[in-house]
Amino acid sequence: MTRLFTLIPTLLTFSLFTGSALAHHSTVALFDGDQTIEVTGVIEQVSWRNPHGYILFRVEDEAGGSRLWRAETISYSVMRNRGIDGDEIKVGDTITMAGAPSKLDRPEILASNVLLPTGYEFDFGTGRPYFPAGKAGNLIGYVDAENSGVDIEAAMASADGIFRTWSTIMNDPAAFPMFKGGYPLNAAGEAFLAEWNPWDNDLLACGTKGTPLIMMTPFPVEFTQVGDTIELQMEEYDAMRTIHMNPNAVAPDEHTMFGFSRGHWEGSTLVVETDHISAGYFGWTGEPQSDQISIIERFMPSADYERMDYRLTVTDPVYYTETFDLTKYFVWLPYRQVNPYECLEQSYEN
């Protein structure tokens, strides 16, 4: 697979992202997911990058003028894990973009599908054709074992129980996103959330998801045994969580983004208890968490290790009225692997 190309623009340096399979950052207030619009224009700039990409295209109006539109797209990591090199979308092409419109009446669209000059259709995570004009609903850009570039036999040979790479099915609501809101906030939690500004928050910067929010990741994760610890390597932000399997391991005095994790086995299920967390946000839509938060995670693989169910149990007496659970699942796809994330900082404007 060729490396994805990147053109960095100097204008419109703000970022928006929400939607079902595309939902990844705390900007749900910025797009209207209940509507779909179509916009036709000529591509001026393209960038495949993390935490998500964008396409700038110029749209003519009825008066003979033009306006520059910005389409938010899936990220570099999603493109790479789908085996896409991005060459199908070129500067100078006339394209029709479909997606959710801006709630702020700006020339912005959360891209779901794009009709290319070839007549083929490119989708950004929906997995579904949108344009009737597309060639028999043919969608470009889905990776499989044959074209992934990964040594499948080696990946299968190295897999040992839970110790393998796990992936998320992004277009299944049972798998992604795991954090869907509706948490049992108390008065202090509601007050915190009322002050949240989707433009001005840490979650829009690289490397700012802590535990447990990082577990919503749509990107591959891998478990590795290292002495008496288990390392959970995550593609997103190149994050690494360390799980201490020694019951006598002592937590440090300081709190950190990922906290201090102790694990034990209950049969094939890995149970992880984590505290000493200082991450600020619990949910990607602005819900808080305190330094008193503690979590219990259960990683529950199936007998054939093709699927791993995940349950997160959360206790935070500062902002929530009761303990509550969130769930998702991972799958084993031998042609997926954890790659460098290479996040690029962006600026955000209101």
Protein backbone atom coordinates (compact mmCIF):
# COMPACT_ATOMS: atom_id res chain seq x y z
CA MET A 1 0.00 0.00 0.00
CA THR A 2 1.33 3.43 -0.86
CA ARG A 3 1.63 6.05 1.82
CA LEU A 4 -1.27 8.47 1.96
CA PHE A 5 -0.59 11.90 0.58
CA THR A 6 -1.09 15.05 2.64
CA LEU A 7 -1.60 18.65 1.57
CA ILE A 8 -1.68 21.02 4.56
CA PRO A 9 -3.82 24.13 4.00
CA THR A 10 -3.33 27.43 5.77
CA LEU A 11 -6.97 28.37 6.04
CA LEU A 12 -10.05 26.95 7.73
CA THR A 13 -7.89 25.41 10.44
CA PHE A 14 -10.75 24.35 12.64
CA SER A 15 -12.01 20.83 13.09
CA LEU A 16 -15.43 19.21 13.25
CA PHE A 17 -16.37 15.59 13.69
CA THR A 18 -19.43 13.59 14.66
CA GLY A 19 -21.83 11.03 13.19
CA SER A 20 -22.24 7.28 13.58
CA ALA A 21 -19.19 5.47 12.23
CA LEU A 22 -17.36 8.79 12.02
CA ALA A 23 -18.12 9.86 15.58
CA HIS A 24 -14.79 10.20 17.24
CA HIS A 25 -14.33 13.66 18.71
CA SER A 26 -16.35 15.99 20.88
CA THR A 27 -18.09 18.08 18.21
CA VAL A 28 -21.53 16.54 18.18
CA ALA A 29 -23.11 20.00 18.48
CA LEU A 30 -21.65 21.16 15.17
CA PHE A 31 -23.35 18.92 12.56
CA ASP A 32 -26.97 17.93 12.03
CA GLY A 33 -26.88 14.16 11.76
CA ASP A 34 -30.61 14.04 11.02
CA GLN A 35 -30.12 15.67 7.62
CA THR A 36 -28.13 14.80 4.50
CA ILE A 37 -27.15 17.39 1.92
CA GLU A 38 -25.36 17.11 -1.43
CA VAL A 39 -22.76 19.63 -2.57
CA THR A 40 -20.93 19.62 -5.93
CA GLY A 41 -17.60 21.33 -6.47
CA VAL A 42 -13.98 21.10 -7.62
CA ILE A 43 -11.39 19.75 -5.18
CA GLU A 44 -8.65 22.23 -4.24
CA GLN A 45 -6.91 20.46 -1.36
CA VAL A 46 -6.97 17.02 0.26
CA SER A 47 -5.47 15.83 3.53
CA TRP A 48 -5.53 12.35 5.00
CA ARG A 49 -4.36 12.84 8.56
CA ASN A 50 -5.15 12.08 12.20
CA PRO A 51 -7.30 12.60 14.13
CA HIS A 52 -9.36 12.99 10.92
CA GLY A 53 -8.95 14.25 7.38
CA TYR A 54 -10.57 16.87 5.23
CA ILE A 55 -11.23 17.90 1.65
CA LEU A 56 -11.50 21.52 0.52
CA PHE A 57 -13.58 22.02 -2.63
CA ARG A 58 -14.87 25.12 -4.43
CA VAL A 59 -18.59 25.36 -5.09
CA GLU A 60 -20.13 27.74 -7.64
CA ASP A 61 -23.31 29.62 -6.77
CA GLU A 62 -26.19 30.75 -8.94
CA ALA A 63 -24.82 34.31 -9.11
CA GLY A 64 -21.61 33.17 -10.79
CA GLY A 65 -19.48 33.43 -7.68
CA SER A 66 -17.94 30.60 -5.68
CA ARG A 67 -17.39 29.53 -2.10
CA LEU A 68 -14.83 27.24 -0.51
CA TRP A 69 -16.37 24.29 1.34
CA ARG A 70 -14.70 22.00 3.86
CA ALA A 71 -15.60 18.32 4.17
CA GLU A 72 -14.51 16.45 7.30
CA THR A 73 -13.57 12.83 6.57
CA ILE A 74 -12.39 9.68 8.29
CA SER A 75 -8.86 9.66 9.65
CA TYR A 76 -5.52 8.55 8.26
CA SER A 77 -5.62 5.48 10.51
CA VAL A 78 -9.06 4.41 9.29
CA MET A 79 -7.96 4.87 5.69
CA ARG A 80 -4.83 2.83 6.29
CA ASN A 81 -6.67 0.04 8.09
CA ARG A 82 -9.03 -0.15 5.13
CA GLY A 83 -6.07 -0.44 2.74
CA ILE A 84 -6.86 2.80 0.92
CA ASP A 85 -4.13 4.91 -0.64
CA GLY A 86 -6.39 7.91 -1.31
CA ASP A 87 -5.44 8.22 -4.98
CA GLU A 88 -9.07 7.93 -6.11
CA ILE A 89 -9.77 11.44 -4.75
CA LYS A 90 -7.66 13.97 -6.65
CA VAL A 91 -7.15 17.73 -6.65
CA GLY A 92 -8.93 19.16 -9.70
CA ASP A 93 -11.69 16.54 -9.77
CA THR A 94 -15.33 17.59 -9.78
CA ILE A 95 -17.07 15.62 -7.05
CA THR A 96 -20.46 15.52 -5.35
CA MET A 97 -20.24 15.19 -1.58
CA ALA A 98 -23.05 13.84 0.59
CA GLY A 99 -23.15 14.22 4.36
CA ALA A 100 -24.45 16.07 7.40
CA PRO A 101 -24.67 19.88 7.20
CA SER A 102 -23.22 22.35 9.68
CA LYS A 103 -25.54 23.42 12.49
CA LEU A 104 -23.78 26.79 12.45
CA ASP A 105 -24.72 27.55 8.83
CA ARG A 106 -21.12 27.33 7.67
CA PRO A 107 -19.86 25.88 4.34
CA GLU A 108 -18.95 22.60 6.02
CA ILE A 109 -20.13 19.03 5.65
CA LEU A 110 -19.43 15.86 7.59
CA ALA A 111 -18.68 13.60 4.64
CA SER A 112 -20.44 10.26 4.39
CA ASN A 113 -20.14 9.50 0.66
CA VAL A 114 -18.65 11.11 -2.43
CA LEU A 115 -19.44 10.48 -6.11
CA LEU A 116 -16.24 10.51 -8.18
CA PRO A 117 -15.81 11.59 -11.82
CA THR A 118 -15.32 7.92 -12.75
CA GLY A 119 -18.88 7.22 -11.65
CA TYR A 120 -17.70 5.14 -8.73
CA GLU A 121 -18.56 6.00 -5.17
CA PHE A 122 -16.22 6.42 -2.20
CA ASP A 123 -17.68 6.13 1.30
CA PHE A 124 -16.29 7.47 4.56
CA GLY A 125 -17.19 4.73 6.98
CA THR A 126 -20.86 4.13 6.18
CA GLY A 127 -20.26 0.92 4.26
CA ARG A 128 -23.33 1.77 2.16
CA PRO A 129 -23.80 3.28 -1.31
CA TYR A 130 -25.70 6.56 -1.42
CA PHE A 131 -25.73 7.83 -5.00
CA PRO A 132 -28.08 6.15 -7.51
CA ALA A 133 -25.71 7.38 -10.24
CA GLY A 134 -22.89 5.23 -8.87
CA LYS A 135 -21.84 2.21 -10.90
CA ALA A 136 -24.17 -0.45 -9.47
CA GLY A 137 -23.47 0.79 -5.97
CA ASN A 138 -19.80 -0.10 -6.21
CA LEU A 139 -17.88 1.29 -3.24
CA ILE A 140 -14.15 1.89 -3.43
CA GLY A 141 -11.84 1.18 -0.54
CA TYR A 142 -12.42 -1.94 1.50
CA VAL A 143 -9.47 -4.00 2.63
CA ASP A 144 -9.45 -7.79 2.91
CA ALA A 145 -6.87 -10.45 3.63
CA GLU A 146 -5.64 -10.52 0.05
CA ASN A 147 -4.70 -6.85 -0.31
CA SER A 148 -3.84 -5.82 3.25
CA GLY A 149 -0.06 -6.16 2.95
CA VAL A 150 0.02 -7.97 6.31
CA ASP A 151 1.62 -11.41 6.73
CA ILE A 152 -1.58 -13.25 7.63
CA GLU A 153 0.10 -16.56 8.41
CA ALA A 154 2.54 -14.87 10.80
CA ALA A 155 -0.27 -12.96 12.52
CA MET A 156 -2.26 -16.15 13.01
CA ALA A 157 0.76 -18.04 14.28
CA SER A 158 1.65 -15.36 16.84
CA ALA A 159 -1.90 -15.05 18.23
CA ASP A 160 -2.10 -16.66 21.68
CA GLY A 161 -5.37 -16.37 23.54
CA ILE A 162 -6.14 -12.73 24.24
CA PHE A 163 -2.65 -11.77 23.08
CA ARG A 164 -3.39 -10.62 19.55
CA THR A 165 -4.58 -7.50 17.72
CA TRP A 166 -8.25 -6.59 18.14
CA SER A 167 -10.32 -4.35 15.89
CA THR A 168 -13.63 -2.48 16.07
CA ILE A 169 -16.51 -2.76 13.60
CA MET A 170 -17.23 0.94 13.19
CA ASN A 171 -20.62 0.68 11.49
CA ASP A 172 -22.17 -1.51 14.21
CA PRO A 173 -23.73 0.56 17.04
CA ALA A 174 -23.08 -2.33 19.43
CA ALA A 175 -19.35 -1.84 18.86
CA PHE A 176 -18.93 1.87 18.15
CA PRO A 177 -19.29 4.36 19.67
CA MET A 178 -19.37 2.87 23.16
CA PHE A 179 -19.83 6.24 24.89
CA LYS A 180 -23.34 7.29 23.88
CA GLY A 181 -24.37 9.69 26.68
CA GLY A 182 -27.31 9.37 29.05
CA TYR A 183 -25.07 8.82 32.10
CA PRO A 184 -26.46 9.20 35.65
CA LEU A 185 -25.00 12.66 36.30
CA ASN A 186 -25.64 14.31 39.65
CA ALA A 187 -26.11 18.06 40.12
CA ALA A 188 -22.34 18.70 40.04
CA GLY A 189 -22.00 16.68 36.83
CA GLU A 190 -24.89 18.50 35.18
CA ALA A 191 -23.36 21.86 36.14
CA PHE A 192 -20.00 20.86 34.66
CA LEU A 193 -21.63 19.71 31.44
CA ALA A 194 -23.64 22.93 31.16
CA GLU A 195 -20.36 24.87 30.96
CA TRP A 196 -18.86 22.63 28.27
CA ASN A 197 -17.88 24.32 25.02
CA PRO A 198 -17.43 21.90 22.08
CA TRP A 199 -14.90 24.32 20.55
CA ASP A 200 -12.79 24.90 23.65
CA ASN A 201 -11.89 21.58 25.24
CA ASP A 202 -8.86 19.36 25.54
CA LEU A 203 -10.38 16.48 23.58
CA LEU A 204 -9.80 18.36 20.33
CA ALA A 205 -6.02 18.08 20.75
CA CYS A 206 -3.70 15.16 20.11
CA GLY A 207 -3.04 12.73 22.93
CA THR A 208 -5.72 13.94 25.31
CA LYS A 209 -7.99 10.91 25.76
CA GLY A 210 -7.44 9.23 29.08
CA THR A 211 -8.92 6.18 30.75
CA PRO A 212 -11.63 5.13 30.20
CA LEU A 213 -12.51 7.28 27.14
CA ILE A 214 -9.54 5.94 25.17
CA MET A 215 -11.31 2.56 25.15
CA MET A 216 -13.89 3.94 22.70
CA THR A 217 -11.12 3.89 20.10
CA PRO A 218 -12.14 2.64 16.64
CA PHE A 219 -8.53 1.74 15.85
CA PRO A 220 -6.68 -1.55 16.49
CA VAL A 221 -5.38 -2.48 19.95
CA GLU A 222 -2.98 -5.26 20.91
CA PHE A 223 -2.32 -7.16 24.15
CA THR A 224 1.28 -8.25 24.83
CA GLN A 225 2.68 -10.11 27.86
CA VAL A 226 5.78 -8.36 29.25
CA GLY A 227 7.08 -10.04 32.40
CA ASP A 228 4.46 -9.70 35.13
CA THR A 229 2.62 -6.94 33.24
CA ILE A 230 0.35 -6.87 30.23
CA GLU A 231 0.80 -4.00 27.80
CA LEU A 232 -2.24 -2.76 25.93
CA GLN A 233 -0.87 -0.94 22.89
CA MET A 234 -3.36 1.30 21.11
CA GLU A 235 -2.98 2.86 17.69
CA GLU A 236 -4.88 6.00 18.70
CA TYR A 237 -2.41 8.60 19.99
CA ASP A 238 0.20 5.77 20.14
CA ALA A 239 -1.17 5.17 23.63
CA MET A 240 0.15 2.42 25.90
CA ARG A 241 -1.65 1.16 28.99
CA THR A 242 0.23 -1.02 31.47
CA ILE A 243 -1.73 -3.65 33.42
CA HIS A 244 0.05 -4.93 36.53
CA MET A 245 -0.66 -8.61 37.06
CA ASN A 246 1.34 -8.77 40.31
CA PRO A 247 -1.26 -8.33 43.12
CA ASN A 248 1.41 -6.65 45.26
CA ALA A 249 2.10 -3.88 42.73
CA VAL A 250 1.94 -0.49 44.43
CA ALA A 251 0.26 2.50 42.82
CA PRO A 252 2.27 5.74 42.62
CA ASP A 253 1.12 8.80 44.55
CA GLU A 254 0.34 10.83 41.43
CA HIS A 255 -2.69 10.47 39.19
CA THR A 256 -2.12 10.07 35.44
CA MET A 257 -4.17 10.08 32.22
CA PHE A 258 -4.39 6.27 32.12
CA GLY A 259 -4.25 5.68 35.87
CA PHE A 260 -2.85 2.63 37.65
CA SER A 261 -4.24 -0.73 36.51
CA ARG A 262 -4.16 -4.11 38.26
CA GLY A 263 -5.34 -7.22 36.44
CA HIS A 264 -6.25 -10.82 37.16
CA TRP A 265 -7.71 -13.74 35.26
CA GLU A 266 -11.15 -15.23 35.76
CA GLY A 267 -10.83 -18.17 33.39
CA SER A 268 -10.12 -16.66 29.97
CA THR A 269 -11.54 -13.27 31.02
CA LEU A 270 -9.06 -10.51 31.85
CA VAL A 271 -10.38 -8.34 34.68
CA VAL A 272 -8.68 -4.95 35.11
CA GLU A 273 -9.25 -2.54 38.01
CA THR A 274 -7.98 1.02 37.51
CA ASP A 275 -7.80 4.11 39.73
CA HIS A 276 -5.41 7.05 40.19
CA ILE A 277 -6.83 8.53 36.98
CA SER A 278 -6.65 12.21 36.12
CA ALA A 279 -8.25 12.65 32.69
CA GLY A 280 -10.81 15.45 33.09
CA TYR A 281 -13.43 14.29 30.61
CA PHE A 282 -15.40 11.07 30.84
CA GLY A 283 -17.46 11.40 27.66
CA TRP A 284 -16.53 12.78 24.26
CA THR A 285 -19.52 15.13 24.51
CA GLY A 286 -18.18 16.93 27.57
CA GLU A 287 -19.25 14.83 30.54
CA PRO A 288 -16.75 15.08 33.43
CA GLN A 289 -14.89 12.63 35.57
CA SER A 290 -13.14 13.31 38.87
CA ASP A 291 -9.84 12.09 40.33
CA GLN A 292 -11.93 9.76 42.49
CA ILE A 293 -13.14 7.74 39.51
CA SER A 294 -12.46 4.00 39.53
CA ILE A 295 -13.24 1.53 36.80
CA ILE A 296 -13.44 -2.22 36.33
CA GLU A 297 -12.94 -3.62 32.83
CA ARG A 298 -13.75 -7.13 31.68
CA PHE A 299 -12.21 -8.38 28.43
CA MET A 300 -14.20 -11.51 27.59
CA PRO A 301 -13.01 -13.47 24.52
CA SER A 302 -15.13 -16.09 22.81
CA ALA A 303 -14.00 -19.71 22.83
CA ASP A 304 -12.54 -19.37 19.32
CA TYR A 305 -11.03 -15.91 20.04
CA GLU A 306 -12.77 -14.42 17.02
CA ARG A 307 -14.63 -11.91 19.20
CA MET A 308 -13.96 -10.21 22.53
CA ASP A 309 -16.80 -8.62 24.50
CA TYR A 310 -15.88 -5.68 26.69
CA ARG A 311 -17.68 -4.35 29.75
CA LEU A 312 -16.69 -1.15 31.53
CA THR A 313 -18.03 -0.54 35.05
CA VAL A 314 -17.67 3.06 36.27
CA THR A 315 -17.84 4.50 39.79
CA ASP A 316 -17.36 8.24 40.35
CA PRO A 317 -19.11 9.63 43.47
CA VAL A 318 -18.21 13.23 42.62
CA TYR A 319 -20.17 13.55 39.36
CA TYR A 320 -22.48 10.49 39.14
CA THR A 321 -25.35 9.22 41.25
CA GLU A 322 -24.58 5.52 40.83
CA THR A 323 -22.23 2.96 39.34
CA PHE A 324 -23.00 2.20 35.68
CA ASP A 325 -21.83 -0.02 32.82
CA LEU A 326 -20.89 0.56 29.18
CA THR A 327 -20.28 -2.22 26.67
CA LYS A 328 -18.79 -2.85 23.23
CA TYR A 329 -17.03 -5.68 21.44
CA PHE A 330 -13.84 -6.21 19.45
CA VAL A 331 -13.11 -8.72 16.70
CA TRP A 332 -9.94 -10.46 15.58
CA LEU A 333 -9.04 -9.63 11.99
CA PRO A 334 -5.58 -11.09 11.29
CA TYR A 335 -4.99 -8.60 8.46
CA ARG A 336 -5.24 -5.65 10.86
CA GLN A 337 -2.31 -4.43 12.93
CA VAL A 338 -1.42 -1.51 15.21
CA ASN A 339 0.36 1.21 13.22
CA PRO A 340 1.96 4.52 14.27
CA TYR A 341 -0.76 7.12 14.73
CA GLU A 342 1.19 10.24 13.75
CA CYS A 343 -1.35 12.72 15.09
CA LEU A 344 -1.07 16.28 13.75
CA GLU A 345 -2.10 19.15 16.00
CA GLN A 346 -4.73 21.49 14.62
CA SER A 347 -6.09 24.83 15.76
CA TYR A 348 -9.77 25.39 16.51
CA GLU A 349 -11.79 28.55 16.15
CA ASN A 350 -15.27 29.41 17.27
